[in-house]
Every structure is written in C-alpha cells, then in structure tokens.
Amino acid sequence: MILKFLSFFTKRQKCRHEKITPQSIWNYCPDCGKEISIKWFILRCNSCASKRGSMLYLNTLVPTDKHCSKCGSPEFYIEKKEKLDFFDMNYAVMTKEEIDNISKSGSVTQIWIEGENCWHEFILPKLITLYQKE
C-alpha cells in the first residue's frame, strides 16, 4: 500500500531536461522526447545599462546585489538573448523552455478562398481545413 502511494509521486515528476546543455547538438530531450529551446537572460542596470549578477529564484530572475555597483541604482531590466557571446558568460542565466509543436497540439488551420465576382460567397465563405489532428 505504501509503495503504491510513493510511486504516485515518483511518476508525476516533471522532466528537468538535465541532458540538454548549451553544447548539445540536438534540441530534443532524450528523457522525455520534448523539443527544448535554450534561452539566455542578462540582468542590466536601468540607469547605466551595466551588467549585473543575477540568479534564478523560484523561476524568477533576481539580482544578487540590491544595488548596481557602478551607479547605485536599484532598478534593473532583463535582456533576453537567443545566442550568447563569450564575454557575457559570467552574467548570463540559462533557461530551458519546452516548445509546443503544431503537429502535436491538434490545432486546425483554415484558409478562406475567395472567387472572382462571387458575392454570395462573401456572406458564407468556404473554409478549407489544411490540418486537423484527431
């Protein structure tokens, strides 16, 4: 009975995508099979735009120091980067986001085809389904 109870919690854990690194060749996680996108964030001072040290705390990017070491301002903004330069490595924080594929989401795309001089089709347009997943 206790083993079944504990297995409920172990099966429900969300994949952390630990095998996906910035050096990974592929974008798919080998543990769960989902497509992963790596994004980089740099925290900058709002006054002087200098880079500030930061860390992830409860999925939120927060500065390590309360005030900027160059101008003393507590205000900051977050710069999002797709690719990272080597000189930004000390200040950047990496996040991994799951990408939802259109083919897996079951969405439907439709196109409205309009004929020449057909005003009755303007009232009742013909929509053609391009993709529909059941």
C-alpha atoms as a PDB file:
ATOM      1  CA  MET A   1       0.000   0.000   0.000  1.00  0.00           C
ATOM      2  CA  ILE A   2       2.749   2.443   0.934  1.00  0.00           C
ATOM      3  CA  LEU A   3       4.733   1.515  -2.179  1.00  0.00           C
ATOM      4  CA  LYS A   4       1.757   2.397  -4.410  1.00  0.00           C
ATOM      5  CA  PHE A   5       1.400   5.710  -2.596  1.00  0.00           C
ATOM      6  CA  LEU A   6       5.077   6.594  -3.106  1.00  0.00           C
ATOM      7  CA  SER A   7       5.010   5.517  -6.761  1.00  0.00           C
ATOM      8  CA  PHE A   8       2.257   8.073  -7.378  1.00  0.00           C
ATOM      9  CA  PHE A   9       4.675  10.902  -6.549  1.00  0.00           C
ATOM     10  CA  THR A  10       7.659   9.481  -8.423  1.00  0.00           C
ATOM     11  CA  LYS A  11       5.699   9.027 -11.674  1.00  0.00           C
ATOM     12  CA  ARG A  12       4.357  12.590 -11.647  1.00  0.00           C
ATOM     13  CA  GLN A  13       7.713  14.377 -11.582  1.00  0.00           C
ATOM     14  CA  LYS A  14       8.280  16.859 -14.385  1.00  0.00           C
ATOM     15  CA  CYS A  15      11.341  16.323 -16.552  1.00  0.00           C
ATOM     16  CA  ARG A  16      14.131  18.787 -15.775  1.00  0.00           C
ATOM     17  CA  HIS A  17      15.882  18.221 -19.130  1.00  0.00           C
ATOM     18  CA  GLU A  18      19.257  17.795 -17.435  1.00  0.00           C
ATOM     19  CA  LYS A  19      20.853  16.167 -20.500  1.00  0.00           C
ATOM     20  CA  ILE A  20      20.205  19.274 -22.632  1.00  0.00           C
ATOM     21  CA  THR A  21      23.208  21.603 -22.389  1.00  0.00           C
ATOM     22  CA  PRO A  22      24.395  24.573 -24.465  1.00  0.00           C
ATOM     23  CA  GLN A  23      26.832  22.183 -26.151  1.00  0.00           C
ATOM     24  CA  SER A  24      24.059  19.724 -27.126  1.00  0.00           C
ATOM     25  CA  ILE A  25      23.739  19.030 -30.826  1.00  0.00           C
ATOM     26  CA  TRP A  26      20.040  18.126 -30.693  1.00  0.00           C
ATOM     27  CA  ASN A  27      17.063  20.102 -29.415  1.00  0.00           C
ATOM     28  CA  TYR A  28      15.097  17.106 -28.126  1.00  0.00           C
ATOM     29  CA  CYS A  29      15.375  15.845 -24.564  1.00  0.00           C
ATOM     30  CA  PRO A  30      16.420  12.156 -24.519  1.00  0.00           C
ATOM     31  CA  ASP A  31      14.474  11.556 -21.277  1.00  0.00           C
ATOM     32  CA  CYS A  32      11.015  12.887 -22.218  1.00  0.00           C
ATOM     33  CA  GLY A  33      11.231  13.441 -26.005  1.00  0.00           C
ATOM     34  CA  LYS A  34      10.058  17.075 -25.944  1.00  0.00           C
ATOM     35  CA  GLU A  35      11.686  19.811 -28.011  1.00  0.00           C
ATOM     36  CA  ILE A  36      13.672  22.204 -25.821  1.00  0.00           C
ATOM     37  CA  SER A  37      14.754  25.772 -26.530  1.00  0.00           C
ATOM     38  CA  ILE A  38      17.652  27.284 -24.592  1.00  0.00           C
ATOM     39  CA  LYS A  39      17.309  30.973 -23.790  1.00  0.00           C
ATOM     40  CA  TRP A  40      19.771  33.285 -22.089  1.00  0.00           C
ATOM     41  CA  PHE A  41      18.907  36.205 -19.826  1.00  0.00           C
ATOM     42  CA  ILE A  42      21.171  39.024 -18.683  1.00  0.00           C
ATOM     43  CA  LEU A  43      20.138  41.399 -15.931  1.00  0.00           C
ATOM     44  CA  ARG A  44      21.155  45.017 -16.624  1.00  0.00           C
ATOM     45  CA  CYS A  45      21.034  48.232 -14.615  1.00  0.00           C
ATOM     46  CA  ASN A  46      18.197  50.515 -15.679  1.00  0.00           C
ATOM     47  CA  SER A  47      20.296  53.679 -15.245  1.00  0.00           C
ATOM     48  CA  CYS A  48      23.725  52.840 -16.661  1.00  0.00           C
ATOM     49  CA  ALA A  49      22.903  49.598 -18.580  1.00  0.00           C
ATOM     50  CA  SER A  50      25.820  47.753 -16.974  1.00  0.00           C
ATOM     51  CA  LYS A  51      25.546  44.012 -16.491  1.00  0.00           C
ATOM     52  CA  ARG A  52      24.609  42.833 -13.029  1.00  0.00           C
ATOM     53  CA  GLY A  53      24.999  39.459 -11.385  1.00  0.00           C
ATOM     54  CA  SER A  54      21.764  37.509 -11.186  1.00  0.00           C
ATOM     55  CA  MET A  55      20.288  34.155 -10.244  1.00  0.00           C
ATOM     56  CA  LEU A  56      17.057  32.234 -10.662  1.00  0.00           C
ATOM     57  CA  TYR A  57      14.916  32.190  -7.534  1.00  0.00           C
ATOM     58  CA  LEU A  58      11.544  30.398  -7.808  1.00  0.00           C
ATOM     59  CA  ASN A  59      11.611  30.735 -11.625  1.00  0.00           C
ATOM     60  CA  THR A  60      12.233  34.482 -11.351  1.00  0.00           C
ATOM     61  CA  LEU A  61      15.439  36.265 -12.305  1.00  0.00           C
ATOM     62  CA  VAL A  62      16.638  38.354  -9.353  1.00  0.00           C
ATOM     63  CA  PRO A  63      19.846  40.374  -8.848  1.00  0.00           C
ATOM     64  CA  THR A  64      22.463  39.046  -6.443  1.00  0.00           C
ATOM     65  CA  ASP A  65      23.099  42.576  -5.119  1.00  0.00           C
ATOM     66  CA  LYS A  66      20.371  45.054  -4.172  1.00  0.00           C
ATOM     67  CA  HIS A  67      22.041  47.985  -5.949  1.00  0.00           C
ATOM     68  CA  CYS A  68      24.225  48.485  -9.013  1.00  0.00           C
ATOM     69  CA  SER A  69      27.918  48.595  -8.131  1.00  0.00           C
ATOM     70  CA  LYS A  70      28.615  51.338 -10.724  1.00  0.00           C
ATOM     71  CA  CYS A  71      25.785  53.848 -10.172  1.00  0.00           C
ATOM     72  CA  GLY A  72      23.930  52.620  -7.053  1.00  0.00           C
ATOM     73  CA  SER A  73      20.524  52.306  -8.725  1.00  0.00           C
ATOM     74  CA  PRO A  74      18.213  49.506  -7.523  1.00  0.00           C
ATOM     75  CA  GLU A  75      16.273  49.460 -10.820  1.00  0.00           C
ATOM     76  CA  PHE A  76      17.045  46.802 -13.451  1.00  0.00           C
ATOM     77  CA  TYR A  77      15.719  45.250 -16.624  1.00  0.00           C
ATOM     78  CA  ILE A  78      16.141  41.839 -18.205  1.00  0.00           C
ATOM     79  CA  GLU A  79      17.723  41.384 -21.622  1.00  0.00           C
ATOM     80  CA  LYS A  80      16.743  38.208 -23.482  1.00  0.00           C
ATOM     81  CA  LYS A  81      19.225  36.595 -25.876  1.00  0.00           C
ATOM     82  CA  GLU A  82      18.923  33.614 -28.185  1.00  0.00           C
ATOM     83  CA  LYS A  83      22.685  33.156 -28.554  1.00  0.00           C
ATOM     84  CA  LEU A  84      25.312  34.095 -26.032  1.00  0.00           C
ATOM     85  CA  ASP A  85      28.615  35.862 -26.621  1.00  0.00           C
ATOM     86  CA  PHE A  86      31.640  34.596 -24.704  1.00  0.00           C
ATOM     87  CA  PHE A  87      32.089  37.880 -22.811  1.00  0.00           C
ATOM     88  CA  ASP A  88      28.526  37.660 -21.423  1.00  0.00           C
ATOM     89  CA  MET A  89      29.107  34.215 -19.909  1.00  0.00           C
ATOM     90  CA  ASN A  90      29.766  35.486 -16.353  1.00  0.00           C
ATOM     91  CA  TYR A  91      26.471  37.398 -16.182  1.00  0.00           C
ATOM     92  CA  ALA A  92      24.078  35.203 -18.181  1.00  0.00           C
ATOM     93  CA  VAL A  93      21.468  32.848 -16.768  1.00  0.00           C
ATOM     94  CA  MET A  94      20.280  29.927 -18.885  1.00  0.00           C
ATOM     95  CA  THR A  95      16.692  28.680 -19.004  1.00  0.00           C
ATOM     96  CA  LYS A  96      15.186  25.739 -20.854  1.00  0.00           C
ATOM     97  CA  GLU A  97      11.705  26.061 -22.338  1.00  0.00           C
ATOM     98  CA  GLU A  98       9.561  23.354 -23.877  1.00  0.00           C
ATOM     99  CA  ILE A  99       8.402  24.086 -27.422  1.00  0.00           C
ATOM    100  CA  ASP A 100       4.893  23.012 -28.361  1.00  0.00           C
ATOM    101  CA  ASN A 101       4.827  21.584 -31.876  1.00  0.00           C
ATOM    102  CA  ILE A 102       1.855  22.478 -34.050  1.00  0.00           C
ATOM    103  CA  SER A 103       1.531  18.888 -35.247  1.00  0.00           C
ATOM    104  CA  LYS A 104       1.227  17.627 -31.660  1.00  0.00           C
ATOM    105  CA  SER A 105      -1.139  20.300 -30.391  1.00  0.00           C
ATOM    106  CA  GLY A 106      -4.076  19.280 -32.605  1.00  0.00           C
ATOM    107  CA  SER A 107      -4.728  22.757 -33.946  1.00  0.00           C
ATOM    108  CA  VAL A 108      -6.713  23.417 -37.095  1.00  0.00           C
ATOM    109  CA  THR A 109      -5.673  25.869 -39.797  1.00  0.00           C
ATOM    110  CA  GLN A 110      -8.217  27.101 -42.312  1.00  0.00           C
ATOM    111  CA  ILE A 111      -7.960  29.220 -45.474  1.00  0.00           C
ATOM    112  CA  TRP A 112     -10.670  31.392 -46.889  1.00  0.00           C
ATOM    113  CA  ILE A 113     -10.848  31.049 -50.697  1.00  0.00           C
ATOM    114  CA  GLU A 114     -12.476  33.966 -52.428  1.00  0.00           C
ATOM    115  CA  GLY A 115     -13.657  33.640 -56.009  1.00  0.00           C
ATOM    116  CA  GLU A 116     -13.931  36.472 -58.511  1.00  0.00           C
ATOM    117  CA  ASN A 117     -17.295  38.301 -58.618  1.00  0.00           C
ATOM    118  CA  CYS A 118     -18.931  35.834 -56.219  1.00  0.00           C
ATOM    119  CA  TRP A 119     -20.802  37.980 -53.710  1.00  0.00           C
ATOM    120  CA  HIS A 120     -22.812  35.092 -52.256  1.00  0.00           C
ATOM    121  CA  GLU A 121     -19.540  33.515 -51.065  1.00  0.00           C
ATOM    122  CA  PHE A 122     -18.765  36.744 -49.235  1.00  0.00           C
ATOM    123  CA  ILE A 123     -21.710  36.105 -46.929  1.00  0.00           C
ATOM    124  CA  LEU A 124     -20.975  32.380 -46.480  1.00  0.00           C
ATOM    125  CA  PRO A 125     -17.205  31.914 -47.013  1.00  0.00           C
ATOM    126  CA  LYS A 126     -15.831  28.483 -47.820  1.00  0.00           C
ATOM    127  CA  LEU A 127     -13.183  27.407 -45.358  1.00  0.00           C
ATOM    128  CA  ILE A 128     -10.832  24.572 -46.264  1.00  0.00           C
ATOM    129  CA  THR A 129      -9.189  22.630 -43.445  1.00  0.00           C
ATOM    130  CA  LEU A 130      -5.470  22.221 -44.048  1.00  0.00           C
ATOM    131  CA  TYR A 131      -4.585  20.155 -40.998  1.00  0.00           C
ATOM    132  CA  GLN A 132      -6.684  18.505 -38.359  1.00  0.00           C
ATOM    133  CA  LYS A 133      -5.445  16.027 -35.788  1.00  0.00           C
ATOM    134  CA  GLU A 134      -7.952  13.732 -34.144  1.00  0.00           C
END
